[in-house]
């Protein structure tokens, strides 16, 4: 892995396959994609999706409104906008904090 700050699905699949000799890299990559699509499908249906120890994903819909373009000062009307809120789980927070303490 060249850049330690980024990890692709393939990189994660390689790590999973190294830890689990029964699965190939391709099988691990497919499993990761299934989980990610499951999370995305839940969010698109408006459901909160939780992975214990990792965190939860919750869809948030912003109501339409009027915004101002800071460059031109013009008023712009926006429609409904959706975004995803991620709340890390306790275990993930602890791991990140341990890593941050080492730096």
PDB file of N, CA and C in Angstrom:
ATOM      1  N   UNK A   1       0.844  -1.164   0.000  1.00  0.00           N
ATOM      2  CA  UNK A   1       0.000   0.000   0.000  1.00  0.00           C
ATOM      3  C   UNK A   1       0.897   1.236   0.000  1.00  0.00           C
ATOM      4  N   UNK A   2       0.776   2.077  -1.018  1.00  0.00           N
ATOM      5  CA  UNK A   2       1.646   3.234  -1.152  1.00  0.00           C
ATOM      6  C   UNK A   2       1.269   4.361  -0.194  1.00  0.00           C
ATOM      7  N   UNK A   3      -0.003   4.713  -0.134  1.00  0.00           N
ATOM      8  CA  UNK A   3      -0.459   5.823   0.698  1.00  0.00           C
ATOM      9  C   UNK A   3      -1.172   5.259   1.914  1.00  0.00           C
ATOM     10  N   UNK A   4      -0.579   5.425   3.090  1.00  0.00           N
ATOM     11  CA  UNK A   4      -1.132   4.848   4.310  1.00  0.00           C
ATOM     12  C   UNK A   4      -2.433   5.517   4.737  1.00  0.00           C
ATOM     13  N   UNK A   5      -2.760   6.683   4.197  1.00  0.00           N
ATOM     14  CA  UNK A   5      -3.964   7.381   4.618  1.00  0.00           C
ATOM     15  C   UNK A   5      -5.210   6.921   3.856  1.00  0.00           C
ATOM     16  N   UNK A   6      -5.050   6.082   2.852  1.00  0.00           N
ATOM     17  CA  UNK A   6      -6.183   5.610   2.057  1.00  0.00           C
ATOM     18  C   UNK A   6      -6.154   4.090   1.974  1.00  0.00           C
ATOM     19  N   UNK A   7      -7.348   3.500   1.968  1.00  0.00           N
ATOM     20  CA  UNK A   7      -7.448   2.056   1.805  1.00  0.00           C
ATOM     21  C   UNK A   7      -8.605   1.768   0.856  1.00  0.00           C
ATOM     22  N   UNK A   8      -8.324   1.052  -0.198  1.00  0.00           N
ATOM     23  CA  UNK A   8      -9.354   0.702  -1.169  1.00  0.00           C
ATOM     24  C   UNK A   8     -10.033  -0.597  -0.743  1.00  0.00           C
ATOM     25  N   UNK A   9     -11.114  -0.927  -1.436  1.00  0.00           N
ATOM     26  CA  UNK A   9     -11.807  -2.184  -1.184  1.00  0.00           C
ATOM     27  C   UNK A   9     -10.854  -3.350  -1.416  1.00  0.00           C
ATOM     28  N   UNK A  10     -10.043  -3.233  -2.435  1.00  0.00           N
ATOM     29  CA  UNK A  10      -9.089  -4.299  -2.753  1.00  0.00           C
ATOM     30  C   UNK A  10      -8.064  -4.466  -1.627  1.00  0.00           C
ATOM     31  N   UNK A  11      -7.544  -3.345  -1.100  1.00  0.00           N
ATOM     32  CA  UNK A  11      -6.577  -3.413   0.000  1.00  0.00           C
ATOM     33  C   UNK A  11      -7.187  -4.098   1.221  1.00  0.00           C
ATOM     34  N   UNK A  12      -8.426  -3.739   1.537  1.00  0.00           N
ATOM     35  CA  UNK A  12      -9.110  -4.344   2.671  1.00  0.00           C
ATOM     36  C   UNK A  12      -9.344  -5.829   2.433  1.00  0.00           C
ATOM     37  N   UNK A  13      -9.714  -6.189   1.208  1.00  0.00           N
ATOM     38  CA  UNK A  13      -9.940  -7.593   0.864  1.00  0.00           C
ATOM     39  C   UNK A  13      -8.654  -8.402   1.001  1.00  0.00           C
ATOM     40  N   UNK A  14      -7.521  -7.819   0.609  1.00  0.00           N
ATOM     41  CA  UNK A  14      -6.238  -8.507   0.732  1.00  0.00           C
ATOM     42  C   UNK A  14      -5.939  -8.769   2.205  1.00  0.00           C
ATOM     43  N   UNK A  15      -6.155  -7.777   3.051  1.00  0.00           N
ATOM     44  CA  UNK A  15      -5.929  -7.950   4.493  1.00  0.00           C
ATOM     45  C   UNK A  15      -6.844  -9.023   5.072  1.00  0.00           C
ATOM     46  N   UNK A  16      -8.113  -9.010   4.646  1.00  0.00           N
ATOM     47  CA  UNK A  16      -9.058 -10.021   5.144  1.00  0.00           C
ATOM     48  C   UNK A  16      -8.636 -11.415   4.711  1.00  0.00           C
ATOM     49  N   UNK A  17      -8.208 -11.559   3.467  1.00  0.00           N
ATOM     50  CA  UNK A  17      -7.797 -12.868   2.954  1.00  0.00           C
ATOM     51  C   UNK A  17      -6.546 -13.377   3.672  1.00  0.00           C
ATOM     52  N   UNK A  18      -5.650 -12.463   4.040  1.00  0.00           N
ATOM     53  CA  UNK A  18      -4.449 -12.865   4.775  1.00  0.00           C
ATOM     54  C   UNK A  18      -4.802 -13.417   6.151  1.00  0.00           C
ATOM     55  N   UNK A  19      -5.826 -12.844   6.777  1.00  0.00           N
ATOM     56  CA  UNK A  19      -6.229 -13.293   8.110  1.00  0.00           C
ATOM     57  C   UNK A  19      -7.112 -14.534   8.062  1.00  0.00           C
ATOM     58  N   UNK A  20      -7.772 -14.771   6.931  1.00  0.00           N
ATOM     59  CA  UNK A  20      -8.669 -15.906   6.793  1.00  0.00           C
ATOM     60  C   UNK A  20      -8.250 -16.706   5.570  1.00  0.00           C
ATOM     61  N   UNK A  21      -7.521 -17.778   5.782  1.00  0.00           N
ATOM     62  CA  UNK A  21      -6.973 -18.573   4.677  1.00  0.00           C
ATOM     63  C   UNK A  21      -8.033 -19.332   3.889  1.00  0.00           C
ATOM     64  N   UNK A  22      -9.254 -19.406   4.396  1.00  0.00           N
ATOM     65  CA  UNK A  22     -10.298 -20.152   3.704  1.00  0.00           C
ATOM     66  C   UNK A  22     -10.943 -19.360   2.573  1.00  0.00           C
ATOM     67  N   UNK A  23     -10.753 -18.034   2.578  1.00  0.00           N
ATOM     68  CA  UNK A  23     -11.381 -17.192   1.568  1.00  0.00           C
ATOM     69  C   UNK A  23     -10.346 -16.574   0.634  1.00  0.00           C
ATOM     70  N   UNK A  24     -10.711 -16.461  -0.634  1.00  0.00           N
ATOM     71  CA  UNK A  24      -9.830 -15.814  -1.604  1.00  0.00           C
ATOM     72  C   UNK A  24     -10.008 -14.302  -1.516  1.00  0.00           C
ATOM     73  N   UNK A  25      -9.106 -13.574  -2.151  1.00  0.00           N
ATOM     74  CA  UNK A  25      -9.204 -12.119  -2.172  1.00  0.00           C
ATOM     75  C   UNK A  25     -10.498 -11.692  -2.850  1.00  0.00           C
ATOM     76  N   UNK A  26     -10.861 -12.385  -3.925  1.00  0.00           N
ATOM     77  CA  UNK A  26     -12.080 -12.044  -4.659  1.00  0.00           C
ATOM     78  C   UNK A  26     -13.326 -12.272  -3.801  1.00  0.00           C
ATOM     79  N   UNK A  27     -13.339 -13.356  -3.016  1.00  0.00           N
ATOM     80  CA  UNK A  27     -14.478 -13.626  -2.134  1.00  0.00           C
ATOM     81  C   UNK A  27     -14.579 -12.560  -1.039  1.00  0.00           C
ATOM     82  N   UNK A  28     -13.442 -12.157  -0.500  1.00  0.00           N
ATOM     83  CA  UNK A  28     -13.429 -11.107   0.517  1.00  0.00           C
ATOM     84  C   UNK A  28     -13.910  -9.785  -0.063  1.00  0.00           C
ATOM     85  N   UNK A  29     -13.469  -9.479  -1.280  1.00  0.00           N
ATOM     86  CA  UNK A  29     -13.886  -8.239  -1.939  1.00  0.00           C
ATOM     87  C   UNK A  29     -15.398  -8.248  -2.187  1.00  0.00           C
ATOM     88  N   UNK A  30     -15.931  -9.380  -2.585  1.00  0.00           N
ATOM     89  CA  UNK A  30     -17.372  -9.504  -2.815  1.00  0.00           C
ATOM     90  C   UNK A  30     -18.141  -9.335  -1.506  1.00  0.00           C
ATOM     91  N   UNK A  31     -17.627  -9.898  -0.412  1.00  0.00           N
ATOM     92  CA  UNK A  31     -18.281  -9.759   0.896  1.00  0.00           C
ATOM     93  C   UNK A  31     -18.310  -8.291   1.340  1.00  0.00           C
ATOM     94  N   UNK A  32     -17.221  -7.583   1.121  1.00  0.00           N
ATOM     95  CA  UNK A  32     -17.159  -6.161   1.470  1.00  0.00           C
ATOM     96  C   UNK A  32     -18.188  -5.375   0.665  1.00  0.00           C
ATOM     97  N   UNK A  33     -18.276  -5.668  -0.633  1.00  0.00           N
ATOM     98  CA  UNK A  33     -19.236  -4.974  -1.491  1.00  0.00           C
ATOM     99  C   UNK A  33     -20.676  -5.256  -1.072  1.00  0.00           C
ATOM    100  N   UNK A  34     -20.961  -6.482  -0.642  1.00  0.00           N
ATOM    101  CA  UNK A  34     -22.310  -6.836  -0.189  1.00  0.00           C
ATOM    102  C   UNK A  34     -22.675  -6.027   1.052  1.00  0.00           C
ATOM    103  N   UNK A  35     -21.737  -5.920   1.997  1.00  0.00           N
ATOM    104  CA  UNK A  35     -21.991  -5.139   3.210  1.00  0.00           C
ATOM    105  C   UNK A  35     -22.206  -3.670   2.867  1.00  0.00           C
ATOM    106  N   UNK A  36     -21.355  -3.110   2.011  1.00  0.00           N
ATOM    107  CA  UNK A  36     -21.477  -1.697   1.653  1.00  0.00           C
ATOM    108  C   UNK A  36     -22.791  -1.418   0.921  1.00  0.00           C
ATOM    109  N   UNK A  37     -23.196  -2.323   0.034  1.00  0.00           N
ATOM    110  CA  UNK A  37     -24.478  -2.150  -0.671  1.00  0.00           C
ATOM    111  C   UNK A  37     -25.646  -2.275   0.305  1.00  0.00           C
ATOM    112  N   UNK A  38     -25.523  -3.146   1.307  1.00  0.00           N
ATOM    113  CA  UNK A  38     -26.564  -3.277   2.322  1.00  0.00           C
ATOM    114  C   UNK A  38     -26.737  -1.991   3.113  1.00  0.00           C
ATOM    115  N   UNK A  39     -25.619  -1.373   3.480  1.00  0.00           N
ATOM    116  CA  UNK A  39     -25.672  -0.093   4.191  1.00  0.00           C
ATOM    117  C   UNK A  39     -26.314   0.970   3.305  1.00  0.00           C
ATOM    118  N   UNK A  40     -25.870   1.051   2.053  1.00  0.00           N
ATOM    119  CA  UNK A  40     -26.406   2.051   1.117  1.00  0.00           C
ATOM    120  C   UNK A  40     -27.896   1.839   0.867  1.00  0.00           C
ATOM    121  N   UNK A  41     -28.330   0.586   0.738  1.00  0.00           N
ATOM    122  CA  UNK A  41     -29.751   0.303   0.521  1.00  0.00           C
ATOM    123  C   UNK A  41     -30.584   0.732   1.725  1.00  0.00           C
ATOM    124  N   UNK A  42     -30.079   0.461   2.924  1.00  0.00           N
ATOM    125  CA  UNK A  42     -30.798   0.876   4.134  1.00  0.00           C
ATOM    126  C   UNK A  42     -30.936   2.381   4.215  1.00  0.00           C
ATOM    127  N   UNK A  43     -29.863   3.094   3.924  1.00  0.00           N
ATOM    128  CA  UNK A  43     -29.899   4.552   3.952  1.00  0.00           C
ATOM    129  C   UNK A  43     -30.876   5.087   2.914  1.00  0.00           C
ATOM    130  N   UNK A  44     -30.862   4.502   1.715  1.00  0.00           N
ATOM    131  CA  UNK A  44     -31.757   4.992   0.656  1.00  0.00           C
ATOM    132  C   UNK A  44     -33.225   4.753   0.994  1.00  0.00           C
ATOM    133  N   UNK A  45     -33.510   3.747   1.853  1.00  0.00           N
ATOM    134  CA  UNK A  45     -34.888   3.499   2.304  1.00  0.00           C
ATOM    135  C   UNK A  45     -35.243   4.341   3.523  1.00  0.00           C
ATOM    136  N   UNK A  46     -34.284   5.140   4.015  1.00  0.00           N
ATOM    137  CA  UNK A  46     -34.536   5.992   5.163  1.00  0.00           C
ATOM    138  C   UNK A  46     -34.328   5.300   6.495  1.00  0.00           C
ATOM    139  N   UNK A  47     -33.643   4.161   6.488  1.00  0.00           N
ATOM    140  CA  UNK A  47     -33.431   3.385   7.704  1.00  0.00           C
ATOM    141  C   UNK A  47     -32.072   3.690   8.330  1.00  0.00           C
ATOM    142  N   UNK A  48     -32.014   3.629   9.642  1.00  0.00           N
ATOM    143  CA  UNK A  48     -30.752   3.742  10.366  1.00  0.00           C
ATOM    144  C   UNK A  48     -30.091   2.373  10.293  1.00  0.00           C
ATOM    145  N   UNK A  49     -28.821   2.339   9.919  1.00  0.00           N
ATOM    146  CA  UNK A  49     -28.092   1.089   9.785  1.00  0.00           C
ATOM    147  C   UNK A  49     -26.932   1.082  10.763  1.00  0.00           C
ATOM    148  N   UNK A  50     -26.839   0.026  11.563  1.00  0.00           N
ATOM    149  CA  UNK A  50     -25.812  -0.036  12.601  1.00  0.00           C
ATOM    150  C   UNK A  50     -24.936  -1.261  12.440  1.00  0.00           C
ATOM    151  N   UNK A  51     -23.638  -1.057  12.620  1.00  0.00           N
ATOM    152  CA  UNK A  51     -22.683  -2.151  12.682  1.00  0.00           C
ATOM    153  C   UNK A  51     -22.072  -2.070  14.072  1.00  0.00           C
ATOM    154  N   UNK A  52     -22.396  -3.033  14.930  1.00  0.00           N
ATOM    155  CA  UNK A  52     -21.964  -3.004  16.332  1.00  0.00           C
ATOM    156  C   UNK A  52     -20.452  -2.860  16.438  1.00  0.00           C
ATOM    157  N   UNK A  53     -20.022  -1.943  17.286  1.00  0.00           N
ATOM    158  CA  UNK A  53     -18.601  -1.712  17.505  1.00  0.00           C
ATOM    159  C   UNK A  53     -17.978  -0.760  16.494  1.00  0.00           C
ATOM    160  N   UNK A  54     -18.606  -0.606  15.343  1.00  0.00           N
ATOM    161  CA  UNK A  54     -18.080   0.273  14.304  1.00  0.00           C
ATOM    162  C   UNK A  54     -18.804   1.611  14.309  1.00  0.00           C
ATOM    163  N   UNK A  55     -20.134   1.570  14.192  1.00  0.00           N
ATOM    164  CA  UNK A  55     -20.891   2.809  14.197  1.00  0.00           C
ATOM    165  C   UNK A  55     -22.228   2.651  13.496  1.00  0.00           C
ATOM    166  N   UNK A  56     -22.940   3.769  13.381  1.00  0.00           N
ATOM    167  CA  UNK A  56     -24.246   3.735  12.733  1.00  0.00           C
ATOM    168  C   UNK A  56     -24.334   4.825  11.668  1.00  0.00           C
ATOM    169  N   UNK A  57     -25.122   4.523  10.639  1.00  0.00           N
ATOM    170  CA  UNK A  57     -25.352   5.427   9.525  1.00  0.00           C
ATOM    171  C   UNK A  57     -26.824   5.812   9.550  1.00  0.00           C
ATOM    172  N   UNK A  58     -27.095   7.114   9.436  1.00  0.00           N
ATOM    173  CA  UNK A  58     -28.471   7.582   9.491  1.00  0.00           C
ATOM    174  C   UNK A  58     -28.690   8.602   8.375  1.00  0.00           C
ATOM    175  N   UNK A  59     -29.749   8.426   7.584  1.00  0.00           N
ATOM    176  CA  UNK A  59     -30.036   9.418   6.541  1.00  0.00           C
ATOM    177  C   UNK A  59     -30.609  10.692   7.139  1.00  0.00           C
ATOM    178  N   UNK A  60     -30.212  11.822   6.585  1.00  0.00           N
ATOM    179  CA  UNK A  60     -30.710  13.123   7.018  1.00  0.00           C
ATOM    180  C   UNK A  60     -31.166  13.867   5.769  1.00  0.00           C
ATOM    181  N   UNK A  61     -32.378  14.416   5.819  1.00  0.00           N
ATOM    182  CA  UNK A  61     -32.906  15.165   4.678  1.00  0.00           C
ATOM    183  C   UNK A  61     -33.006  16.630   5.074  1.00  0.00           C
ATOM    184  N   UNK A  62     -32.350  17.478   4.308  1.00  0.00           N
ATOM    185  CA  UNK A  62     -32.438  18.927   4.526  1.00  0.00           C
ATOM    186  C   UNK A  62     -33.599  19.475   3.719  1.00  0.00           C
ATOM    187  N   UNK A  63     -34.397  20.301   4.355  1.00  0.00           N
ATOM    188  CA  UNK A  63     -35.581  20.880   3.704  1.00  0.00           C
ATOM    189  C   UNK A  63     -35.162  21.914   2.663  1.00  0.00           C
ATOM    190  N   UNK A  64     -36.060  22.165   1.694  1.00  0.00           N
ATOM    191  CA  UNK A  64     -35.753  23.190   0.697  1.00  0.00           C
ATOM    192  C   UNK A  64     -35.656  24.562   1.355  1.00  0.00           C
ATOM    193  N   UNK A  65     -34.879  25.394   0.767  1.00  0.00           N
ATOM    194  CA  UNK A  65     -34.727  26.737   1.322  1.00  0.00           C
ATOM    195  C   UNK A  65     -34.075  27.668   0.326  1.00  0.00           C
ATOM    196  N   UNK A  66     -33.781  28.855   0.780  1.00  0.00           N
ATOM    197  CA  UNK A  66     -33.118  29.846  -0.050  1.00  0.00           C
ATOM    198  C   UNK A  66     -31.725  30.067   0.507  1.00  0.00           C
ATOM    199  N   UNK A  67     -30.747  29.963  -0.347  1.00  0.00           N
ATOM    200  CA  UNK A  67     -29.349  30.171   0.029  1.00  0.00           C
ATOM    201  C   UNK A  67     -28.804  31.350  -0.759  1.00  0.00           C
ATOM    202  N   UNK A  68     -27.657  31.840  -0.316  1.00  0.00           N
ATOM    203  CA  UNK A  68     -27.029  32.967  -0.994  1.00  0.00           C
ATOM    204  C   UNK A  68     -25.694  32.527  -1.559  1.00  0.00           C
ATOM    205  N   UNK A  69     -25.446  32.860  -2.820  1.00  0.00           N
ATOM    206  CA  UNK A  69     -24.155  32.599  -3.443  1.00  0.00           C
ATOM    207  C   UNK A  69     -23.171  33.640  -2.901  1.00  0.00           C
ATOM    208  N   UNK A  70     -22.129  33.215  -2.146  1.00  0.00           N
ATOM    209  CA  UNK A  70     -21.234  34.193  -1.537  1.00  0.00           C
ATOM    210  C   UNK A  70     -20.413  34.994  -2.548  1.00  0.00           C
ATOM    211  N   UNK A  71     -20.201  34.435  -3.711  1.00  0.00           N
ATOM    212  CA  UNK A  71     -19.379  35.118  -4.713  1.00  0.00           C
ATOM    213  C   UNK A  71     -20.151  36.248  -5.400  1.00  0.00           C
ATOM    214  N   UNK A  72     -21.412  35.963  -5.771  1.00  0.00           N
ATOM    215  CA  UNK A  72     -22.189  36.953  -6.516  1.00  0.00           C
ATOM    216  C   UNK A  72     -23.246  37.641  -5.662  1.00  0.00           C
ATOM    217  N   UNK A  73     -23.618  37.031  -4.544  1.00  0.00           N
ATOM    218  CA  UNK A  73     -24.663  37.598  -3.704  1.00  0.00           C
ATOM    219  C   UNK A  73     -26.064  37.231  -4.149  1.00  0.00           C
ATOM    220  N   UNK A  74     -26.190  36.494  -5.249  1.00  0.00           N
ATOM    221  CA  UNK A  74     -27.501  36.090  -5.760  1.00  0.00           C
ATOM    222  C   UNK A  74     -28.161  35.081  -4.812  1.00  0.00           C
ATOM    223  N   UNK A  75     -29.490  35.099  -4.767  1.00  0.00           N
ATOM    224  CA  UNK A  75     -30.261  34.126  -3.985  1.00  0.00           C
ATOM    225  C   UNK A  75     -30.538  32.909  -4.853  1.00  0.00           C
ATOM    226  N   UNK A  76     -30.365  31.734  -4.274  1.00  0.00           N
ATOM    227  CA  UNK A  76     -30.580  30.491  -4.997  1.00  0.00           C
ATOM    228  C   UNK A  76     -31.543  29.627  -4.186  1.00  0.00           C
ATOM    229  N   UNK A  77     -32.544  29.084  -4.851  1.00  0.00           N
ATOM    230  CA  UNK A  77     -33.495  28.201  -4.185  1.00  0.00           C
ATOM    231  C   UNK A  77     -32.992  26.770  -4.302  1.00  0.00           C
ATOM    232  N   UNK A  78     -32.984  26.072  -3.173  1.00  0.00           N
ATOM    233  CA  UNK A  78     -32.529  24.677  -3.168  1.00  0.00           C
ATOM    234  C   UNK A  78     -33.708  23.772  -2.872  1.00  0.00           C
ATOM    235  N   UNK A  79     -33.660  22.575  -3.403  1.00  0.00           N
ATOM    236  CA  UNK A  79     -34.698  21.581  -3.135  1.00  0.00           C
ATOM    237  C   UNK A  79     -34.305  20.720  -1.945  1.00  0.00           C
ATOM    238  N   UNK A  80     -35.007  19.621  -1.759  1.00  0.00           N
ATOM    239  CA  UNK A  80     -34.651  18.678  -0.703  1.00  0.00           C
ATOM    240  C   UNK A  80     -33.275  18.112  -1.007  1.00  0.00           C
ATOM    241  N   UNK A  81     -32.441  18.048   0.018  1.00  0.00           N
ATOM    242  CA  UNK A  81     -31.101  17.487  -0.152  1.00  0.00           C
ATOM    243  C   UNK A  81     -30.886  16.431   0.920  1.00  0.00           C
ATOM    244  N   UNK A  82     -30.339  15.316   0.507  1.00  0.00           N
ATOM    245  CA  UNK A  82     -30.076  14.250   1.455  1.00  0.00           C
ATOM    246  C   UNK A  82     -28.593  14.108   1.735  1.00  0.00           C
ATOM    247  N   UNK A  83     -28.284  13.676   2.949  1.00  0.00           N
ATOM    248  CA  UNK A  83     -26.907  13.369   3.300  1.00  0.00           C
ATOM    249  C   UNK A  83     -26.945  12.256   4.339  1.00  0.00           C
ATOM    250  N   UNK A  84     -25.788  11.696   4.621  1.00  0.00           N
ATOM    251  CA  UNK A  84     -25.690  10.604   5.576  1.00  0.00           C
ATOM    252  C   UNK A  84     -24.898  11.056   6.785  1.00  0.00           C
ATOM    253  N   UNK A  85     -25.442  10.790   7.964  1.00  0.00           N
ATOM    254  CA  UNK A  85     -24.742  11.104   9.209  1.00  0.00           C
ATOM    255  C   UNK A  85     -24.152   9.804   9.742  1.00  0.00           C
ATOM    256  N   UNK A  86     -22.857   9.824  10.080  1.00  0.00           N
ATOM    257  CA  UNK A  86     -22.190   8.658  10.656  1.00  0.00           C
ATOM    258  C   UNK A  86     -21.823   8.958  12.096  1.00  0.00           C
ATOM    259  N   UNK A  87     -22.217   8.071  12.975  1.00  0.00           N
ATOM    260  CA  UNK A  87     -21.850   8.205  14.385  1.00  0.00           C
ATOM    261  C   UNK A  87     -20.990   7.001  14.745  1.00  0.00           C
ATOM    262  N   UNK A  88     -19.706   7.234  15.064  1.00  0.00           N
ATOM    263  CA  UNK A  88     -18.826   6.103  15.373  1.00  0.00           C
ATOM    264  C   UNK A  88     -19.239   5.406  16.663  1.00  0.00           C
ATOM    265  N   UNK A  89     -19.026   4.096  16.695  1.00  0.00           N
ATOM    266  CA  UNK A  89     -19.315   3.314  17.883  1.00  0.00           C
ATOM    267  C   UNK A  89     -18.222   3.480  18.925  1.00  0.00           C
ATOM    268  N   UNK A  90     -18.483   3.001  20.125  1.00  0.00           N
ATOM    269  CA  UNK A  90     -17.561   3.157  21.247  1.00  0.00           C
ATOM    270  C   UNK A  90     -16.208   2.491  20.962  1.00  0.00           C
ATOM    271  N   UNK A  91     -16.250   1.287  20.402  1.00  0.00           N
ATOM    272  CA  UNK A  91     -15.013   0.561  20.111  1.00  0.00           C
ATOM    273  C   UNK A  91     -14.156   1.304  19.083  1.00  0.00           C
ATOM    274  N   UNK A  92     -14.781   1.840  18.049  1.00  0.00           N
ATOM    275  CA  UNK A  92     -14.051   2.591  17.029  1.00  0.00           C
ATOM    276  C   UNK A  92     -13.462   3.860  17.625  1.00  0.00           C
ATOM    277  N   UNK A  93     -14.241   4.571  18.448  1.00  0.00           N
ATOM    278  CA  UNK A  93     -13.735   5.780  19.099  1.00  0.00           C
ATOM    279  C   UNK A  93     -12.495   5.465  19.930  1.00  0.00           C
ATOM    280  N   UNK A  94     -12.567   4.376  20.702  1.00  0.00           N
ATOM    281  CA  UNK A  94     -11.433   4.000  21.551  1.00  0.00           C
ATOM    282  C   UNK A  94     -10.190   3.684  20.726  1.00  0.00           C
ATOM    283  N   UNK A  95     -10.361   2.976  19.615  1.00  0.00           N
ATOM    284  CA  UNK A  95      -9.210   2.639  18.765  1.00  0.00           C
ATOM    285  C   UNK A  95      -8.591   3.876  18.138  1.00  0.00           C
ATOM    286  N   UNK A  96      -9.441   4.799  17.698  1.00  0.00           N
ATOM    287  CA  UNK A  96      -8.934   6.047  17.099  1.00  0.00           C
ATOM    288  C   UNK A  96      -8.194   6.873  18.153  1.00  0.00           C
ATOM    289  N   UNK A  97      -8.759   6.950  19.352  1.00  0.00           N
ATOM    290  CA  UNK A  97      -8.126   7.721  20.415  1.00  0.00           C
ATOM    291  C   UNK A  97      -6.784   7.109  20.830  1.00  0.00           C
ATOM    292  N   UNK A  98      -6.685   5.774  20.866  1.00  0.00           N
ATOM    293  CA  UNK A  98      -5.412   5.121  21.182  1.00  0.00           C
ATOM    294  C   UNK A  98      -4.370   5.453  20.114  1.00  0.00           C
ATOM    295  N   UNK A  99      -4.804   5.435  18.852  1.00  0.00           N
ATOM    296  CA  UNK A  99      -3.890   5.746  17.751  1.00  0.00           C
ATOM    297  C   UNK A  99      -3.453   7.209  17.820  1.00  0.00           C
ATOM    298  N   UNK A 100      -4.382   8.101  18.133  1.00  0.00           N
ATOM    299  CA  UNK A 100      -4.070   9.516  18.207  1.00  0.00           C
ATOM    300  C   UNK A 100      -3.099   9.810  19.356  1.00  0.00           C
ATOM    301  N   UNK A 101      -3.202   9.060  20.441  1.00  0.00           N
ATOM    302  CA  UNK A 101      -2.325   9.259  21.586  1.00  0.00           C
ATOM    303  C   UNK A 101      -0.877   8.877  21.257  1.00  0.00           C
ATOM    304  N   UNK A 102      -0.695   7.952  20.310  1.00  0.00           N
ATOM    305  CA  UNK A 102       0.639   7.502  19.918  1.00  0.00           C
ATOM    306  C   UNK A 102       1.345   8.527  19.033  1.00  0.00           C
ATOM    307  N   UNK A 103       0.581   9.372  18.366  1.00  0.00           N
ATOM    308  CA  UNK A 103       1.164  10.329  17.414  1.00  0.00           C
ATOM    309  C   UNK A 103       1.775  11.498  18.093  1.00  0.00           C
TER     310      UNK A 103
END
